Amino acid sequence: RTAISYFVISFICLYLTNESYSQNLQLSGGNNFSVA
């Protein structure tokens, strides 16, 4: 589960920033919304 979550967050940030592979990331879910 941790590995999957890490991959998902990393992919999100890589997609968004178009920069080097992202590390040390945080993801948090609220009520029907999410932040990274």
All heavy atoms as atom14 arrays in JSON, in Angstrom:
{
  "sequence": "RTAISYFVISFICLYLTNESYSQNLQLSGGNNFSVA",
  "atom14_mask": [
    [1, 1, 1, 1, 1, 1, 1, 1, 1, 1, 1, 0, 0, 0],
    [1, 1, 1, 1, 1, 1, 1, 0, 0, 0, 0, 0, 0, 0],
    [1, 1, 1, 1, 1, 0, 0, 0, 0, 0, 0, 0, 0, 0],
    [1, 1, 1, 1, 1, 1, 1, 1, 0, 0, 0, 0, 0, 0],
    [1, 1, 1, 1, 1, 1, 0, 0, 0, 0, 0, 0, 0, 0],
    [1, 1, 1, 1, 1, 1, 1, 1, 1, 1, 1, 1, 0, 0],
    [1, 1, 1, 1, 1, 1, 1, 1, 1, 1, 1, 0, 0, 0],
    [1, 1, 1, 1, 1, 1, 1, 0, 0, 0, 0, 0, 0, 0],
    [1, 1, 1, 1, 1, 1, 1, 1, 0, 0, 0, 0, 0, 0],
    [1, 1, 1, 1, 1, 1, 0, 0, 0, 0, 0, 0, 0, 0],
    [1, 1, 1, 1, 1, 1, 1, 1, 1, 1, 1, 0, 0, 0],
    [1, 1, 1, 1, 1, 1, 1, 1, 0, 0, 0, 0, 0, 0],
    [1, 1, 1, 1, 1, 1, 0, 0, 0, 0, 0, 0, 0, 0],
    [1, 1, 1, 1, 1, 1, 1, 1, 0, 0, 0, 0, 0, 0],
    [1, 1, 1, 1, 1, 1, 1, 1, 1, 1, 1, 1, 0, 0],
    [1, 1, 1, 1, 1, 1, 1, 1, 0, 0, 0, 0, 0, 0],
    [1, 1, 1, 1, 1, 1, 1, 0, 0, 0, 0, 0, 0, 0],
    [1, 1, 1, 1, 1, 1, 1, 1, 0, 0, 0, 0, 0, 0],
    [1, 1, 1, 1, 1, 1, 1, 1, 1, 0, 0, 0, 0, 0],
    [1, 1, 1, 1, 1, 1, 0, 0, 0, 0, 0, 0, 0, 0],
    [1, 1, 1, 1, 1, 1, 1, 1, 1, 1, 1, 1, 0, 0],
    [1, 1, 1, 1, 1, 1, 0, 0, 0, 0, 0, 0, 0, 0],
    [1, 1, 1, 1, 1, 1, 1, 1, 1, 0, 0, 0, 0, 0],
    [1, 1, 1, 1, 1, 1, 1, 1, 0, 0, 0, 0, 0, 0],
    [1, 1, 1, 1, 1, 1, 1, 1, 0, 0, 0, 0, 0, 0],
    [1, 1, 1, 1, 1, 1, 1, 1, 1, 0, 0, 0, 0, 0],
    [1, 1, 1, 1, 1, 1, 1, 1, 0, 0, 0, 0, 0, 0],
    [1, 1, 1, 1, 1, 1, 0, 0, 0, 0, 0, 0, 0, 0],
    [1, 1, 1, 1, 0, 0, 0, 0, 0, 0, 0, 0, 0, 0],
    [1, 1, 1, 1, 0, 0, 0, 0, 0, 0, 0, 0, 0, 0],
    [1, 1, 1, 1, 1, 1, 1, 1, 0, 0, 0, 0, 0, 0],
    [1, 1, 1, 1, 1, 1, 1, 1, 0, 0, 0, 0, 0, 0],
    [1, 1, 1, 1, 1, 1, 1, 1, 1, 1, 1, 0, 0, 0],
    [1, 1, 1, 1, 1, 1, 0, 0, 0, 0, 0, 0, 0, 0],
    [1, 1, 1, 1, 1, 1, 1, 0, 0, 0, 0, 0, 0, 0],
    [1, 1, 1, 1, 1, 0, 0, 0, 0, 0, 0, 0, 0, 0]
  ],
  "atom14_positions": [
    [[0.82, -1.2, 0.0], [0.0, 0.0, 0.0], [0.86, 1.26, 0.0], [0.6, 2.22, -0.73], [-0.92, -0.01, 1.22], [-1.85, 1.19, 1.28], [-2.75, 1.08, 2.5], [-3.63, 2.22, 2.58], [-4.51, 2.39, 3.54], [-4.63, 1.48, 4.48], [-5.28, 3.46, 3.57], [0.0, 0.0, 0.0], [0.0, 0.0, 0.0], [0.0, 0.0, 0.0]],
    [[1.94, 1.24, 0.8], [2.83, 2.4, 0.84], [3.5, 2.61, -0.49], [3.61, 3.73, -0.98], [3.9, 2.2, 1.93], [3.25, 2.06, 3.19], [4.84, 3.39, 1.98], [0.0, 0.0, 0.0], [0.0, 0.0, 0.0], [0.0, 0.0, 0.0], [0.0, 0.0, 0.0], [0.0, 0.0, 0.0], [0.0, 0.0, 0.0], [0.0, 0.0, 0.0]],
    [[3.97, 1.53, -1.12], [4.63, 1.63, -2.41], [3.69, 2.19, -3.47], [4.07, 3.03, -4.28], [5.18, 0.27, -2.82], [0.0, 0.0, 0.0], [0.0, 0.0, 0.0], [0.0, 0.0, 0.0], [0.0, 0.0, 0.0], [0.0, 0.0, 0.0], [0.0, 0.0, 0.0], [0.0, 0.0, 0.0], [0.0, 0.0, 0.0], [0.0, 0.0, 0.0]],
    [[2.45, 1.71, -3.47], [1.47, 2.19, -4.44], [1.2, 3.68, -4.22], [1.17, 4.47, -5.17], [0.16, 1.38, -4.34], [0.42, -0.06, -4.81], [-0.94, 2.03, -5.17], [-0.75, -0.98, -4.61], [0.0, 0.0, 0.0], [0.0, 0.0, 0.0], [0.0, 0.0, 0.0], [0.0, 0.0, 0.0], [0.0, 0.0, 0.0], [0.0, 0.0, 0.0]],
    [[1.0, 4.09, -2.96], [0.72, 5.49, -2.66], [1.88, 6.36, -3.11], [1.7, 7.43, -3.7], [0.47, 5.67, -1.16], [-0.64, 4.93, -0.75], [0.0, 0.0, 0.0], [0.0, 0.0, 0.0], [0.0, 0.0, 0.0], [0.0, 0.0, 0.0], [0.0, 0.0, 0.0], [0.0, 0.0, 0.0], [0.0, 0.0, 0.0], [0.0, 0.0, 0.0]],
    [[3.1, 5.92, -2.84], [4.28, 6.69, -3.22], [4.35, 6.85, -4.72], [4.63, 7.94, -5.23], [5.54, 5.99, -2.7], [6.82, 6.65, -3.15], [7.31, 7.76, -2.46], [7.52, 6.17, -4.25], [8.47, 8.38, -2.88], [8.67, 6.79, -4.67], [9.15, 7.88, -3.98], [10.3, 8.49, -4.4], [0.0, 0.0, 0.0], [0.0, 0.0, 0.0]],
    [[4.06, 5.77, -5.45], [4.11, 5.84, -6.91], [3.07, 6.81, -7.44], [3.36, 7.62, -8.32], [3.87, 4.45, -7.51], [3.75, 4.48, -9.01], [4.88, 4.55, -9.81], [2.51, 4.46, -9.62], [4.78, 4.6, -11.19], [2.39, 4.5, -11.0], [3.54, 4.56, -11.78], [0.0, 0.0, 0.0], [0.0, 0.0, 0.0], [0.0, 0.0, 0.0]],
    [[1.86, 6.77, -6.88], [0.79, 7.65, -7.35], [1.14, 9.11, -7.13], [1.01, 9.95, -8.02], [-0.53, 7.3, -6.64], [-1.59, 8.36, -6.95], [-1.03, 5.93, -7.08], [0.0, 0.0, 0.0], [0.0, 0.0, 0.0], [0.0, 0.0, 0.0], [0.0, 0.0, 0.0], [0.0, 0.0, 0.0], [0.0, 0.0, 0.0], [0.0, 0.0, 0.0]],
    [[1.63, 9.44, -5.92], [1.98, 10.83, -5.63], [3.13, 11.28, -6.52], [3.12, 12.4, -7.04], [2.36, 10.99, -4.14], [1.21, 10.5, -3.25], [2.65, 12.44, -3.83], [1.6, 10.38, -1.8], [0.0, 0.0, 0.0], [0.0, 0.0, 0.0], [0.0, 0.0, 0.0], [0.0, 0.0, 0.0], [0.0, 0.0, 0.0], [0.0, 0.0, 0.0]],
    [[4.13, 10.44, -6.68], [5.27, 10.8, -7.51], [4.83, 11.06, -8.95], [5.29, 12.0, -9.59], [6.32, 9.69, -7.47], [6.82, 9.52, -6.17], [0.0, 0.0, 0.0], [0.0, 0.0, 0.0], [0.0, 0.0, 0.0], [0.0, 0.0, 0.0], [0.0, 0.0, 0.0], [0.0, 0.0, 0.0], [0.0, 0.0, 0.0], [0.0, 0.0, 0.0]],
    [[3.92, 10.22, -9.45], [3.42, 10.41, -10.81], [2.67, 11.73, -10.93], [2.83, 12.46, -11.9], [2.5, 9.25, -11.21], [1.93, 9.4, -12.59], [2.69, 9.08, -13.7], [0.65, 9.89, -12.77], [2.17, 9.22, -14.98], [0.13, 10.05, -14.04], [0.89, 9.72, -15.15], [0.0, 0.0, 0.0], [0.0, 0.0, 0.0], [0.0, 0.0, 0.0]],
    [[1.86, 12.05, -9.91], [1.11, 13.31, -9.93], [2.07, 14.48, -10.04], [1.91, 15.36, -10.88], [0.25, 13.45, -8.66], [-0.91, 12.44, -8.71], [-0.29, 14.87, -8.52], [-1.69, 12.36, -7.42], [0.0, 0.0, 0.0], [0.0, 0.0, 0.0], [0.0, 0.0, 0.0], [0.0, 0.0, 0.0], [0.0, 0.0, 0.0], [0.0, 0.0, 0.0]],
    [[3.09, 14.5, -9.18], [4.01, 15.64, -9.17], [4.87, 15.7, -10.41], [5.18, 16.78, -10.9], [4.87, 15.6, -7.9], [3.91, 15.93, -6.41], [0.0, 0.0, 0.0], [0.0, 0.0, 0.0], [0.0, 0.0, 0.0], [0.0, 0.0, 0.0], [0.0, 0.0, 0.0], [0.0, 0.0, 0.0], [0.0, 0.0, 0.0], [0.0, 0.0, 0.0]],
    [[5.24, 14.54, -10.93], [6.01, 14.5, -12.17], [5.17, 15.06, -13.31], [5.63, 15.86, -14.13], [6.44, 13.07, -12.48], [7.25, 12.87, -13.77], [8.55, 13.65, -13.69], [7.52, 11.39, -13.99], [0.0, 0.0, 0.0], [0.0, 0.0, 0.0], [0.0, 0.0, 0.0], [0.0, 0.0, 0.0], [0.0, 0.0, 0.0], [0.0, 0.0, 0.0]],
    [[3.9, 14.68, -13.33], [2.97, 15.16, -14.36], [2.78, 16.67, -14.25], [2.77, 17.39, -15.25], [1.63, 14.45, -14.2], [0.51, 15.06, -15.0], [0.41, 14.84, -16.38], [-0.45, 15.85, -14.38], [-0.63, 15.4, -17.1], [-1.48, 16.41, -15.1], [-1.57, 16.18, -16.46], [-2.6, 16.74, -17.18], [0.0, 0.0, 0.0], [0.0, 0.0, 0.0]],
    [[2.68, 17.18, -13.02], [2.4, 18.59, -12.81], [3.61, 19.47, -13.05], [3.52, 20.52, -13.68], [1.91, 18.8, -11.37], [0.54, 18.21, -11.05], [0.29, 18.31, -9.56], [-0.55, 18.94, -11.81], [0.0, 0.0, 0.0], [0.0, 0.0, 0.0], [0.0, 0.0, 0.0], [0.0, 0.0, 0.0], [0.0, 0.0, 0.0], [0.0, 0.0, 0.0]],
    [[4.75, 19.07, -12.54], [5.92, 19.96, -12.58], [6.75, 19.8, -13.83], [7.51, 20.68, -14.2], [6.82, 19.68, -11.37], [7.29, 18.33, -11.45], [6.07, 19.88, -10.07], [0.0, 0.0, 0.0], [0.0, 0.0, 0.0], [0.0, 0.0, 0.0], [0.0, 0.0, 0.0], [0.0, 0.0, 0.0], [0.0, 0.0, 0.0], [0.0, 0.0, 0.0]],
    [[6.64, 18.62, -14.5], [7.45, 18.36, -15.69], [8.93, 18.46, -15.37], [9.73, 18.83, -16.21], [7.09, 19.35, -16.8], [6.78, 18.66, -18.11], [6.76, 17.44, -18.17], [6.51, 19.43, -19.13], [0.0, 0.0, 0.0], [0.0, 0.0, 0.0], [0.0, 0.0, 0.0], [0.0, 0.0, 0.0], [0.0, 0.0, 0.0], [0.0, 0.0, 0.0]],
    [[9.28, 18.15, -14.12], [10.66, 18.24, -13.7], [11.17, 16.85, -13.34], [10.59, 15.85, -13.71], [10.76, 19.19, -12.5], [10.38, 20.63, -12.86], [10.38, 21.54, -11.65], [10.59, 21.04, -10.52], [10.17, 22.75, -11.82], [0.0, 0.0, 0.0], [0.0, 0.0, 0.0], [0.0, 0.0, 0.0], [0.0, 0.0, 0.0], [0.0, 0.0, 0.0]],
    [[12.28, 16.79, -12.57], [12.87, 15.51, -12.2], [11.92, 14.7, -11.33], [10.98, 15.23, -10.75], [14.18, 15.77, -11.46], [13.94, 16.52, -10.29], [0.0, 0.0, 0.0], [0.0, 0.0, 0.0], [0.0, 0.0, 0.0], [0.0, 0.0, 0.0], [0.0, 0.0, 0.0], [0.0, 0.0, 0.0], [0.0, 0.0, 0.0], [0.0, 0.0, 0.0]],
    [[12.21, 13.44, -11.23], [11.36, 12.54, -10.46], [11.21, 13.03, -9.03], [12.17, 13.33, -8.35], [11.97, 11.13, -10.46], [11.03, 10.07, -9.98], [10.06, 9.54, -10.81], [11.12, 9.6, -8.67], [9.21, 8.57, -10.36], [10.26, 8.63, -8.22], [9.31, 8.11, -9.06], [8.45, 7.13, -8.62], [0.0, 0.0, 0.0], [0.0, 0.0, 0.0]],
    [[9.96, 13.12, -8.56], [9.67, 13.75, -7.27], [9.82, 12.79, -6.12], [9.51, 11.61, -6.22], [8.24, 14.3, -7.28], [8.1, 15.26, -8.3], [0.0, 0.0, 0.0], [0.0, 0.0, 0.0], [0.0, 0.0, 0.0], [0.0, 0.0, 0.0], [0.0, 0.0, 0.0], [0.0, 0.0, 0.0], [0.0, 0.0, 0.0], [0.0, 0.0, 0.0]],
    [[10.31, 13.3, -4.99], [10.46, 12.5, -3.78], [10.01, 13.33, -2.59], [9.74, 14.52, -2.69], [11.92, 12.08, -3.6], [12.44, 11.23, -4.75], [13.86, 10.79, -4.51], [14.29, 10.66, -3.38], [14.6, 10.57, -5.57], [0.0, 0.0, 0.0], [0.0, 0.0, 0.0], [0.0, 0.0, 0.0], [0.0, 0.0, 0.0], [0.0, 0.0, 0.0]],
    [[9.93, 12.68, -1.39], [9.57, 13.37, -0.16], [8.25, 14.13, -0.33], [8.18, 15.34, -0.11], [10.68, 14.33, 0.27], [11.98, 13.59, 0.49], [11.98, 12.5, 1.04], [13.06, 14.18, 0.05], [0.0, 0.0, 0.0], [0.0, 0.0, 0.0], [0.0, 0.0, 0.0], [0.0, 0.0, 0.0], [0.0, 0.0, 0.0], [0.0, 0.0, 0.0]],
    [[7.22, 13.41, -0.73], [5.95, 14.04, -1.07], [4.91, 13.81, 0.01], [5.02, 12.91, 0.84], [5.45, 13.47, -2.39], [6.49, 13.5, -3.5], [6.02, 12.72, -4.69], [6.79, 14.93, -3.89], [0.0, 0.0, 0.0], [0.0, 0.0, 0.0], [0.0, 0.0, 0.0], [0.0, 0.0, 0.0], [0.0, 0.0, 0.0], [0.0, 0.0, 0.0]],
    [[3.85, 14.64, -0.02], [2.75, 14.5, 0.92], [1.44, 14.55, 0.16], [1.29, 15.33, -0.79], [2.78, 15.62, 1.96], [3.99, 15.63, 2.86], [3.94, 16.78, 3.84], [2.89, 17.16, 4.33], [5.1, 17.35, 4.12], [0.0, 0.0, 0.0], [0.0, 0.0, 0.0], [0.0, 0.0, 0.0], [0.0, 0.0, 0.0], [0.0, 0.0, 0.0]],
    [[0.49, 13.75, 0.6], [-0.84, 13.72, 0.01], [-1.84, 13.65, 1.14], [-1.65, 12.9, 2.1], [-0.99, 12.49, -0.9], [-2.31, 12.33, -1.65], [-2.46, 13.42, -2.69], [-2.35, 10.95, -2.31], [0.0, 0.0, 0.0], [0.0, 0.0, 0.0], [0.0, 0.0, 0.0], [0.0, 0.0, 0.0], [0.0, 0.0, 0.0], [0.0, 0.0, 0.0]],
    [[-2.9, 14.46, 1.08], [-3.9, 14.47, 2.14], [-5.28, 14.61, 1.54], [-5.48, 15.39, 0.6], [-3.62, 15.63, 3.12], [-4.57, 15.64, 4.16], [0.0, 0.0, 0.0], [0.0, 0.0, 0.0], [0.0, 0.0, 0.0], [0.0, 0.0, 0.0], [0.0, 0.0, 0.0], [0.0, 0.0, 0.0], [0.0, 0.0, 0.0], [0.0, 0.0, 0.0]],
    [[-6.23, 13.86, 2.08], [-7.6, 13.9, 1.59], [-8.54, 14.54, 2.58], [-8.52, 14.22, 3.77], [0.0, 0.0, 0.0], [0.0, 0.0, 0.0], [0.0, 0.0, 0.0], [0.0, 0.0, 0.0], [0.0, 0.0, 0.0], [0.0, 0.0, 0.0], [0.0, 0.0, 0.0], [0.0, 0.0, 0.0], [0.0, 0.0, 0.0], [0.0, 0.0, 0.0]],
    [[-9.36, 15.47, 2.11], [-10.39, 16.09, 2.92], [-11.74, 15.47, 2.6], [-11.82, 14.31, 2.19], [0.0, 0.0, 0.0], [0.0, 0.0, 0.0], [0.0, 0.0, 0.0], [0.0, 0.0, 0.0], [0.0, 0.0, 0.0], [0.0, 0.0, 0.0], [0.0, 0.0, 0.0], [0.0, 0.0, 0.0], [0.0, 0.0, 0.0], [0.0, 0.0, 0.0]],
    [[-12.79, 16.25, 2.75], [-14.15, 15.78, 2.45], [-14.45, 16.08, 0.98], [-14.83, 17.19, 0.64], [-15.16, 16.48, 3.37], [-16.56, 15.94, 3.2], [-16.78, 14.99, 2.45], [-17.52, 16.53, 3.89], [0.0, 0.0, 0.0], [0.0, 0.0, 0.0], [0.0, 0.0, 0.0], [0.0, 0.0, 0.0], [0.0, 0.0, 0.0], [0.0, 0.0, 0.0]],
    [[-14.24, 15.11, 0.12], [-14.48, 15.22, -1.32], [-13.45, 16.09, -2.05], [-13.73, 16.59, -3.13], [-15.89, 15.75, -1.61], [-16.97, 14.81, -1.14], [-16.9, 13.6, -1.35], [-17.98, 15.35, -0.47], [0.0, 0.0, 0.0], [0.0, 0.0, 0.0], [0.0, 0.0, 0.0], [0.0, 0.0, 0.0], [0.0, 0.0, 0.0], [0.0, 0.0, 0.0]],
    [[-12.27, 16.25, -1.47], [-11.19, 16.93, -2.18], [-9.86, 16.43, -1.66], [-9.78, 15.83, -0.59], [-11.29, 18.45, -2.05], [-10.86, 18.99, -0.71], [-9.63, 19.64, -0.57], [-11.67, 18.88, 0.41], [-9.22, 20.15, 0.66], [-11.27, 19.39, 1.64], [-10.04, 20.02, 1.76], [0.0, 0.0, 0.0], [0.0, 0.0, 0.0], [0.0, 0.0, 0.0]],
    [[-8.8, 16.67, -2.44], [-7.47, 16.2, -2.06], [-6.45, 17.29, -2.33], [-6.64, 18.13, -3.21], [-7.09, 14.95, -2.86], [-8.0, 13.91, -2.65], [0.0, 0.0, 0.0], [0.0, 0.0, 0.0], [0.0, 0.0, 0.0], [0.0, 0.0, 0.0], [0.0, 0.0, 0.0], [0.0, 0.0, 0.0], [0.0, 0.0, 0.0], [0.0, 0.0, 0.0]],
    [[-5.35, 17.26, -1.56], [-4.24, 18.19, -1.79], [-2.94, 17.4, -1.82], [-2.81, 16.37, -1.15], [-4.17, 19.29, -0.71], [-5.36, 20.22, -0.81], [-4.07, 18.69, 0.68], [0.0, 0.0, 0.0], [0.0, 0.0, 0.0], [0.0, 0.0, 0.0], [0.0, 0.0, 0.0], [0.0, 0.0, 0.0], [0.0, 0.0, 0.0], [0.0, 0.0, 0.0]],
    [[-1.98, 17.88, -2.6], [-0.67, 17.24, -2.7], [0.41, 18.29, -2.62], [0.26, 19.4, -3.15], [-0.56, 16.48, -4.02], [0.0, 0.0, 0.0], [0.0, 0.0, 0.0], [0.0, 0.0, 0.0], [0.0, 0.0, 0.0], [0.0, 0.0, 0.0], [0.0, 0.0, 0.0], [0.0, 0.0, 0.0], [0.0, 0.0, 0.0], [0.0, 0.0, 0.0]]
  ]
}
